[in-house]
Amino acid sequence: MITLLAPPLQEQVVHLIQKRTKLPAHKLKPTAHLYQDLGLDTLQVVEIIWDLEKRFQVEIPDDVPLQTVGDFIDFLAAHTK
């Protein structure tokens, strides 16, 4: 029996953001700022949050400071199994 392992969290987050924004994966480094570096707007960030909440079955509160790709990864690492 072959067991498929889920890709690492960072890879999953980058893939989801890439799918939503159509940005190349090499731009989605943990230090990439969502607004300044990636040029995202507020609606795109909200849609990414919704996608992440659905994918990881977690609620991301409005008061969580999410400014970089790494902020998403860090939050999910601390709040998922």
PDB file of N, CA and C in Angstrom:
ATOM      1  N   MET A   1       0.843  -1.183   0.000  1.00  0.00           N
ATOM      2  CA  MET A   1       0.000   0.000   0.000  1.00  0.00           C
ATOM      3  C   MET A   1       0.888   1.246   0.000  1.00  0.00           C
ATOM      4  N   ILE A   2       0.576   2.185  -0.866  1.00  0.00           N
ATOM      5  CA  ILE A   2       1.336   3.428  -0.957  1.00  0.00           C
ATOM      6  C   ILE A   2       0.560   4.528  -0.253  1.00  0.00           C
ATOM      7  N   THR A   3       1.231   5.229   0.653  1.00  0.00           N
ATOM      8  CA  THR A   3       0.620   6.345   1.360  1.00  0.00           C
ATOM      9  C   THR A   3       1.136   7.638   0.751  1.00  0.00           C
ATOM     10  N   LEU A   4       0.221   8.484   0.328  1.00  0.00           N
ATOM     11  CA  LEU A   4       0.610   9.768  -0.238  1.00  0.00           C
ATOM     12  C   LEU A   4       0.714  10.792   0.882  1.00  0.00           C
ATOM     13  N   LEU A   5       1.841  11.461   0.934  1.00  0.00           N
ATOM     14  CA  LEU A   5       2.050  12.487   1.942  1.00  0.00           C
ATOM     15  C   LEU A   5       1.663  13.837   1.368  1.00  0.00           C
ATOM     16  N   ALA A   6       1.069  14.661   2.190  1.00  0.00           N
ATOM     17  CA  ALA A   6       0.722  16.019   1.765  1.00  0.00           C
ATOM     18  C   ALA A   6       2.012  16.812   1.561  1.00  0.00           C
ATOM     19  N   PRO A   7       2.022  17.684   0.558  1.00  0.00           N
ATOM     20  CA  PRO A   7       3.212  18.526   0.373  1.00  0.00           C
ATOM     21  C   PRO A   7       3.434  19.401   1.608  1.00  0.00           C
ATOM     22  N   PRO A   8       4.665  19.861   1.802  1.00  0.00           N
ATOM     23  CA  PRO A   8       4.935  20.738   2.949  1.00  0.00           C
ATOM     24  C   PRO A   8       4.004  21.959   2.928  1.00  0.00           C
ATOM     25  N   LEU A   9       3.749  22.481   4.100  1.00  0.00           N
ATOM     26  CA  LEU A   9       2.823  23.600   4.262  1.00  0.00           C
ATOM     27  C   LEU A   9       3.185  24.781   3.368  1.00  0.00           C
ATOM     28  N   GLN A  10       4.444  25.157   3.331  1.00  0.00           N
ATOM     29  CA  GLN A  10       4.857  26.300   2.515  1.00  0.00           C
ATOM     30  C   GLN A  10       4.500  26.065   1.046  1.00  0.00           C
ATOM     31  N   GLU A  11       4.746  24.870   0.573  1.00  0.00           N
ATOM     32  CA  GLU A  11       4.440  24.540  -0.821  1.00  0.00           C
ATOM     33  C   GLU A  11       2.935  24.639  -1.090  1.00  0.00           C
ATOM     34  N   GLN A  12       2.130  24.184  -0.150  1.00  0.00           N
ATOM     35  CA  GLN A  12       0.679  24.255  -0.309  1.00  0.00           C
ATOM     36  C   GLN A  12       0.190  25.707  -0.348  1.00  0.00           C
ATOM     37  N   VAL A  13       0.722  26.530   0.540  1.00  0.00           N
ATOM     38  CA  VAL A  13       0.329  27.942   0.596  1.00  0.00           C
ATOM     39  C   VAL A  13       0.743  28.656  -0.688  1.00  0.00           C
ATOM     40  N   VAL A  14       1.961  28.429  -1.141  1.00  0.00           N
ATOM     41  CA  VAL A  14       2.443  29.064  -2.366  1.00  0.00           C
ATOM     42  C   VAL A  14       1.584  28.630  -3.556  1.00  0.00           C
ATOM     43  N   HIS A  15       1.274  27.353  -3.633  1.00  0.00           N
ATOM     44  CA  HIS A  15       0.451  26.849  -4.735  1.00  0.00           C
ATOM     45  C   HIS A  15      -0.933  27.517  -4.728  1.00  0.00           C
ATOM     46  N   LEU A  16      -1.527  27.625  -3.559  1.00  0.00           N
ATOM     47  CA  LEU A  16      -2.844  28.235  -3.461  1.00  0.00           C
ATOM     48  C   LEU A  16      -2.802  29.710  -3.868  1.00  0.00           C
ATOM     49  N   ILE A  17      -1.796  30.436  -3.403  1.00  0.00           N
ATOM     50  CA  ILE A  17      -1.665  31.851  -3.771  1.00  0.00           C
ATOM     51  C   ILE A  17      -1.398  31.980  -5.268  1.00  0.00           C
ATOM     52  N   GLN A  18      -0.553  31.117  -5.790  1.00  0.00           N
ATOM     53  CA  GLN A  18      -0.237  31.145  -7.213  1.00  0.00           C
ATOM     54  C   GLN A  18      -1.491  30.882  -8.047  1.00  0.00           C
ATOM     55  N   LYS A  19      -2.277  29.930  -7.628  1.00  0.00           N
ATOM     56  CA  LYS A  19      -3.517  29.593  -8.339  1.00  0.00           C
ATOM     57  C   LYS A  19      -4.477  30.785  -8.356  1.00  0.00           C
ATOM     58  N   ARG A  20      -4.584  31.477  -7.243  1.00  0.00           N
ATOM     59  CA  ARG A  20      -5.499  32.608  -7.113  1.00  0.00           C
ATOM     60  C   ARG A  20      -4.999  33.838  -7.865  1.00  0.00           C
ATOM     61  N   THR A  21      -3.686  34.090  -7.842  1.00  0.00           N
ATOM     62  CA  THR A  21      -3.156  35.342  -8.369  1.00  0.00           C
ATOM     63  C   THR A  21      -2.515  35.209  -9.755  1.00  0.00           C
ATOM     64  N   LYS A  22      -2.196  33.987 -10.157  1.00  0.00           N
ATOM     65  CA  LYS A  22      -1.504  33.728 -11.423  1.00  0.00           C
ATOM     66  C   LYS A  22      -0.067  34.259 -11.431  1.00  0.00           C
ATOM     67  N   LEU A  23       0.474  34.545 -10.253  1.00  0.00           N
ATOM     68  CA  LEU A  23       1.872  34.984 -10.139  1.00  0.00           C
ATOM     69  C   LEU A  23       2.794  33.773 -10.230  1.00  0.00           C
ATOM     70  N   PRO A  24       4.004  33.934 -10.763  1.00  0.00           N
ATOM     71  CA  PRO A  24       4.942  32.808 -10.804  1.00  0.00           C
ATOM     72  C   PRO A  24       5.403  32.436  -9.395  1.00  0.00           C
ATOM     73  N   ALA A  25       5.594  31.152  -9.181  1.00  0.00           N
ATOM     74  CA  ALA A  25       5.960  30.641  -7.854  1.00  0.00           C
ATOM     75  C   ALA A  25       7.247  31.262  -7.325  1.00  0.00           C
ATOM     76  N   HIS A  26       8.206  31.581  -8.198  1.00  0.00           N
ATOM     77  CA  HIS A  26       9.480  32.120  -7.714  1.00  0.00           C
ATOM     78  C   HIS A  26       9.317  33.499  -7.065  1.00  0.00           C
ATOM     79  N   LYS A  27       8.222  34.183  -7.325  1.00  0.00           N
ATOM     80  CA  LYS A  27       7.972  35.481  -6.680  1.00  0.00           C
ATOM     81  C   LYS A  27       7.338  35.324  -5.297  1.00  0.00           C
ATOM     82  N   LEU A  28       6.799  34.147  -5.008  1.00  0.00           N
ATOM     83  CA  LEU A  28       6.041  33.936  -3.771  1.00  0.00           C
ATOM     84  C   LEU A  28       6.930  33.403  -2.649  1.00  0.00           C
ATOM     85  N   LYS A  29       7.994  34.128  -2.372  1.00  0.00           N
ATOM     86  CA  LYS A  29       8.903  33.779  -1.277  1.00  0.00           C
ATOM     87  C   LYS A  29       8.266  34.207   0.041  1.00  0.00           C
ATOM     88  N   PRO A  30       8.651  33.563   1.146  1.00  0.00           N
ATOM     89  CA  PRO A  30       8.072  33.934   2.441  1.00  0.00           C
ATOM     90  C   PRO A  30       8.219  35.419   2.788  1.00  0.00           C
ATOM     91  N   THR A  31       9.274  36.056   2.300  1.00  0.00           N
ATOM     92  CA  THR A  31       9.496  37.463   2.618  1.00  0.00           C
ATOM     93  C   THR A  31       8.755  38.422   1.680  1.00  0.00           C
ATOM     94  N   ALA A  32       8.098  37.892   0.660  1.00  0.00           N
ATOM     95  CA  ALA A  32       7.407  38.746  -0.311  1.00  0.00           C
ATOM     96  C   ALA A  32       6.208  39.439   0.338  1.00  0.00           C
ATOM     97  N   HIS A  33       6.205  40.761   0.280  1.00  0.00           N
ATOM     98  CA  HIS A  33       5.115  41.562   0.825  1.00  0.00           C
ATOM     99  C   HIS A  33       3.933  41.500  -0.140  1.00  0.00           C
ATOM    100  N   LEU A  34       2.755  41.227   0.392  1.00  0.00           N
ATOM    101  CA  LEU A  34       1.579  41.018  -0.441  1.00  0.00           C
ATOM    102  C   LEU A  34       1.230  42.227  -1.299  1.00  0.00           C
ATOM    103  N   TYR A  35       1.329  43.410  -0.728  1.00  0.00           N
ATOM    104  CA  TYR A  35       0.920  44.619  -1.437  1.00  0.00           C
ATOM    105  C   TYR A  35       2.092  45.253  -2.189  1.00  0.00           C
ATOM    106  N   GLN A  36       3.207  45.450  -1.512  1.00  0.00           N
ATOM    107  CA  GLN A  36       4.337  46.172  -2.106  1.00  0.00           C
ATOM    108  C   GLN A  36       5.095  45.337  -3.140  1.00  0.00           C
ATOM    109  N   ASP A  37       5.403  44.085  -2.810  1.00  0.00           N
ATOM    110  CA  ASP A  37       6.198  43.246  -3.709  1.00  0.00           C
ATOM    111  C   ASP A  37       5.363  42.539  -4.771  1.00  0.00           C
ATOM    112  N   LEU A  38       4.184  42.064  -4.358  1.00  0.00           N
ATOM    113  CA  LEU A  38       3.368  41.264  -5.267  1.00  0.00           C
ATOM    114  C   LEU A  38       2.284  42.074  -5.971  1.00  0.00           C
ATOM    115  N   GLY A  39       2.011  43.285  -5.480  1.00  0.00           N
ATOM    116  CA  GLY A  39       1.023  44.145  -6.118  1.00  0.00           C
ATOM    117  C   GLY A  39      -0.416  43.686  -5.947  1.00  0.00           C
ATOM    118  N   LEU A  40      -0.689  42.930  -4.884  1.00  0.00           N
ATOM    119  CA  LEU A  40      -2.056  42.459  -4.655  1.00  0.00           C
ATOM    120  C   LEU A  40      -2.913  43.592  -4.105  1.00  0.00           C
ATOM    121  N   ASP A  41      -4.206  43.487  -4.328  1.00  0.00           N
ATOM    122  CA  ASP A  41      -5.124  44.441  -3.718  1.00  0.00           C
ATOM    123  C   ASP A  41      -5.863  43.750  -2.573  1.00  0.00           C
ATOM    124  N   THR A  42      -6.629  44.513  -1.836  1.00  0.00           N
ATOM    125  CA  THR A  42      -7.306  43.989  -0.641  1.00  0.00           C
ATOM    126  C   THR A  42      -8.239  42.831  -0.978  1.00  0.00           C
ATOM    127  N   LEU A  43      -8.976  42.943  -2.067  1.00  0.00           N
ATOM    128  CA  LEU A  43      -9.895  41.867  -2.453  1.00  0.00           C
ATOM    129  C   LEU A  43      -9.134  40.573  -2.722  1.00  0.00           C
ATOM    130  N   GLN A  44      -8.000  40.653  -3.393  1.00  0.00           N
ATOM    131  CA  GLN A  44      -7.211  39.445  -3.653  1.00  0.00           C
ATOM    132  C   GLN A  44      -6.727  38.808  -2.358  1.00  0.00           C
ATOM    133  N   VAL A  45      -6.306  39.624  -1.411  1.00  0.00           N
ATOM    134  CA  VAL A  45      -5.839  39.089  -0.126  1.00  0.00           C
ATOM    135  C   VAL A  45      -7.001  38.424   0.621  1.00  0.00           C
ATOM    136  N   VAL A  46      -8.163  39.036   0.605  1.00  0.00           N
ATOM    137  CA  VAL A  46      -9.342  38.442   1.252  1.00  0.00           C
ATOM    138  C   VAL A  46      -9.688  37.106   0.593  1.00  0.00           C
ATOM    139  N   GLU A  47      -9.612  37.039  -0.725  1.00  0.00           N
ATOM    140  CA  GLU A  47      -9.903  35.785  -1.421  1.00  0.00           C
ATOM    141  C   GLU A  47      -8.875  34.706  -1.064  1.00  0.00           C
ATOM    142  N   ILE A  48      -7.633  35.092  -0.917  1.00  0.00           N
ATOM    143  CA  ILE A  48      -6.598  34.138  -0.495  1.00  0.00           C
ATOM    144  C   ILE A  48      -6.907  33.637   0.913  1.00  0.00           C
ATOM    145  N   ILE A  49      -7.298  34.540   1.795  1.00  0.00           N
ATOM    146  CA  ILE A  49      -7.661  34.135   3.162  1.00  0.00           C
ATOM    147  C   ILE A  49      -8.811  33.138   3.126  1.00  0.00           C
ATOM    148  N   TRP A  50      -9.831  33.412   2.332  1.00  0.00           N
ATOM    149  CA  TRP A  50     -10.972  32.479   2.224  1.00  0.00           C
ATOM    150  C   TRP A  50     -10.504  31.112   1.720  1.00  0.00           C
ATOM    151  N   ASP A  51      -9.643  31.124   0.701  1.00  0.00           N
ATOM    152  CA  ASP A  51      -9.126  29.869   0.159  1.00  0.00           C
ATOM    153  C   ASP A  51      -8.351  29.088   1.220  1.00  0.00           C
ATOM    154  N   LEU A  52      -7.504  29.796   1.965  1.00  0.00           N
ATOM    155  CA  LEU A  52      -6.717  29.140   3.009  1.00  0.00           C
ATOM    156  C   LEU A  52      -7.612  28.601   4.115  1.00  0.00           C
ATOM    157  N   GLU A  53      -8.615  29.370   4.522  1.00  0.00           N
ATOM    158  CA  GLU A  53      -9.540  28.911   5.558  1.00  0.00           C
ATOM    159  C   GLU A  53     -10.253  27.642   5.121  1.00  0.00           C
ATOM    160  N   LYS A  54     -10.688  27.624   3.883  1.00  0.00           N
ATOM    161  CA  LYS A  54     -11.391  26.449   3.367  1.00  0.00           C
ATOM    162  C   LYS A  54     -10.452  25.255   3.267  1.00  0.00           C
ATOM    163  N   ARG A  55      -9.267  25.466   2.704  1.00  0.00           N
ATOM    164  CA  ARG A  55      -8.317  24.374   2.498  1.00  0.00           C
ATOM    165  C   ARG A  55      -7.822  23.768   3.805  1.00  0.00           C
ATOM    166  N   PHE A  56      -7.532  24.620   4.792  1.00  0.00           N
ATOM    167  CA  PHE A  56      -6.956  24.148   6.044  1.00  0.00           C
ATOM    168  C   PHE A  56      -7.961  24.052   7.187  1.00  0.00           C
ATOM    169  N   GLN A  57      -9.222  24.342   6.897  1.00  0.00           N
ATOM    170  CA  GLN A  57     -10.298  24.255   7.890  1.00  0.00           C
ATOM    171  C   GLN A  57      -9.942  24.989   9.176  1.00  0.00           C
ATOM    172  N   VAL A  58      -9.597  26.263   8.992  1.00  0.00           N
ATOM    173  CA  VAL A  58      -9.222  27.115  10.104  1.00  0.00           C
ATOM    174  C   VAL A  58      -9.819  28.492   9.857  1.00  0.00           C
ATOM    175  N   GLU A  59     -10.095  29.216  10.920  1.00  0.00           N
ATOM    176  CA  GLU A  59     -10.576  30.586  10.781  1.00  0.00           C
ATOM    177  C   GLU A  59      -9.421  31.540  11.047  1.00  0.00           C
ATOM    178  N   ILE A  60      -9.219  32.457  10.123  1.00  0.00           N
ATOM    179  CA  ILE A  60      -8.169  33.455  10.280  1.00  0.00           C
ATOM    180  C   ILE A  60      -8.851  34.752  10.699  1.00  0.00           C
ATOM    181  N   PRO A  61      -8.685  35.161  11.952  1.00  0.00           N
ATOM    182  CA  PRO A  61      -9.352  36.377  12.437  1.00  0.00           C
ATOM    183  C   PRO A  61      -8.907  37.620  11.675  1.00  0.00           C
ATOM    184  N   ASP A  62      -9.796  38.596  11.609  1.00  0.00           N
ATOM    185  CA  ASP A  62      -9.515  39.841  10.894  1.00  0.00           C
ATOM    186  C   ASP A  62      -8.333  40.610  11.483  1.00  0.00           C
ATOM    187  N   ASP A  63      -8.062  40.433  12.777  1.00  0.00           N
ATOM    188  CA  ASP A  63      -7.003  41.214  13.420  1.00  0.00           C
ATOM    189  C   ASP A  63      -5.610  40.587  13.307  1.00  0.00           C
ATOM    190  N   VAL A  64      -5.496  39.467  12.576  1.00  0.00           N
ATOM    191  CA  VAL A  64      -4.186  38.849  12.380  1.00  0.00           C
ATOM    192  C   VAL A  64      -3.437  39.651  11.311  1.00  0.00           C
ATOM    193  N   PRO A  65      -2.240  40.155  11.631  1.00  0.00           N
ATOM    194  CA  PRO A  65      -1.493  40.942  10.645  1.00  0.00           C
ATOM    195  C   PRO A  65      -0.871  40.041   9.570  1.00  0.00           C
ATOM    196  N   LEU A  66      -1.426  40.097   8.382  1.00  0.00           N
ATOM    197  CA  LEU A  66      -0.940  39.298   7.267  1.00  0.00           C
ATOM    198  C   LEU A  66      -0.387  40.244   6.211  1.00  0.00           C
ATOM    199  N   GLN A  67       0.924  40.396   6.198  1.00  0.00           N
ATOM    200  CA  GLN A  67       1.575  41.318   5.271  1.00  0.00           C
ATOM    201  C   GLN A  67       2.462  40.604   4.248  1.00  0.00           C
ATOM    202  N   THR A  68       2.900  39.391   4.582  1.00  0.00           N
ATOM    203  CA  THR A  68       3.803  38.656   3.697  1.00  0.00           C
ATOM    204  C   THR A  68       3.289  37.236   3.477  1.00  0.00           C
ATOM    205  N   VAL A  69       3.841  36.571   2.489  1.00  0.00           N
ATOM    206  CA  VAL A  69       3.519  35.163   2.256  1.00  0.00           C
ATOM    207  C   VAL A  69       3.883  34.359   3.506  1.00  0.00           C
ATOM    208  N   GLY A  70       5.005  34.697   4.122  1.00  0.00           N
ATOM    209  CA  GLY A  70       5.443  34.012   5.337  1.00  0.00           C
ATOM    210  C   GLY A  70       4.473  34.162   6.498  1.00  0.00           C
ATOM    211  N   ASP A  71       3.764  35.297   6.548  1.00  0.00           N
ATOM    212  CA  ASP A  71       2.764  35.480   7.612  1.00  0.00           C
ATOM    213  C   ASP A  71       1.665  34.429   7.501  1.00  0.00           C
ATOM    214  N   PHE A  72       1.231  34.124   6.276  1.00  0.00           N
ATOM    215  CA  PHE A  72       0.235  33.061   6.074  1.00  0.00           C
ATOM    216  C   PHE A  72       0.786  31.721   6.535  1.00  0.00           C
ATOM    217  N   ILE A  73       2.015  31.434   6.127  1.00  0.00           N
ATOM    218  CA  ILE A  73       2.640  30.156   6.473  1.00  0.00           C
ATOM    219  C   ILE A  73       2.788  30.025   7.987  1.00  0.00           C
ATOM    220  N   ASP A  74       3.274  31.071   8.647  1.00  0.00           N
ATOM    221  CA  ASP A  74       3.460  31.040  10.100  1.00  0.00           C
ATOM    222  C   ASP A  74       2.137  30.855  10.837  1.00  0.00           C
ATOM    223  N   PHE A  75       1.104  31.575  10.405  1.00  0.00           N
ATOM    224  CA  PHE A  75      -0.200  31.447  11.060  1.00  0.00           C
ATOM    225  C   PHE A  75      -0.709  30.021  10.929  1.00  0.00           C
ATOM    226  N   LEU A  76      -0.660  29.484   9.730  1.00  0.00           N
ATOM    227  CA  LEU A  76      -1.181  28.135   9.506  1.00  0.00           C
ATOM    228  C   LEU A  76      -0.358  27.090  10.236  1.00  0.00           C
ATOM    229  N   ALA A  77       0.954  27.277  10.307  1.00  0.00           N
ATOM    230  CA  ALA A  77       1.803  26.321  11.031  1.00  0.00           C
ATOM    231  C   ALA A  77       1.431  26.278  12.510  1.00  0.00           C
ATOM    232  N   ALA A  78       1.032  27.424  13.055  1.00  0.00           N
ATOM    233  CA  ALA A  78       0.690  27.500  14.474  1.00  0.00           C
ATOM    234  C   ALA A  78      -0.749  27.069  14.761  1.00  0.00           C
ATOM    235  N   HIS A  79      -1.617  27.041  13.736  1.00  0.00           N
ATOM    236  CA  HIS A  79      -3.034  26.796  13.988  1.00  0.00           C
ATOM    237  C   HIS A  79      -3.619  25.590  13.257  1.00  0.00           C
ATOM    238  N   THR A  80      -2.780  24.766  12.649  1.00  0.00           N
ATOM    239  CA  THR A  80      -3.274  23.557  12.005  1.00  0.00           C
ATOM    240  C   THR A  80      -2.556  22.352  12.568  1.00  0.00           C
ATOM    241  N   LYS A  81      -3.117  21.201  12.292  1.00  0.00           N
ATOM    242  CA  LYS A  81      -2.546  19.964  12.820  1.00  0.00           C
ATOM    243  C   LYS A  81      -1.387  19.498  11.991  1.00  0.00           C
TER     244      LYS A  81
END
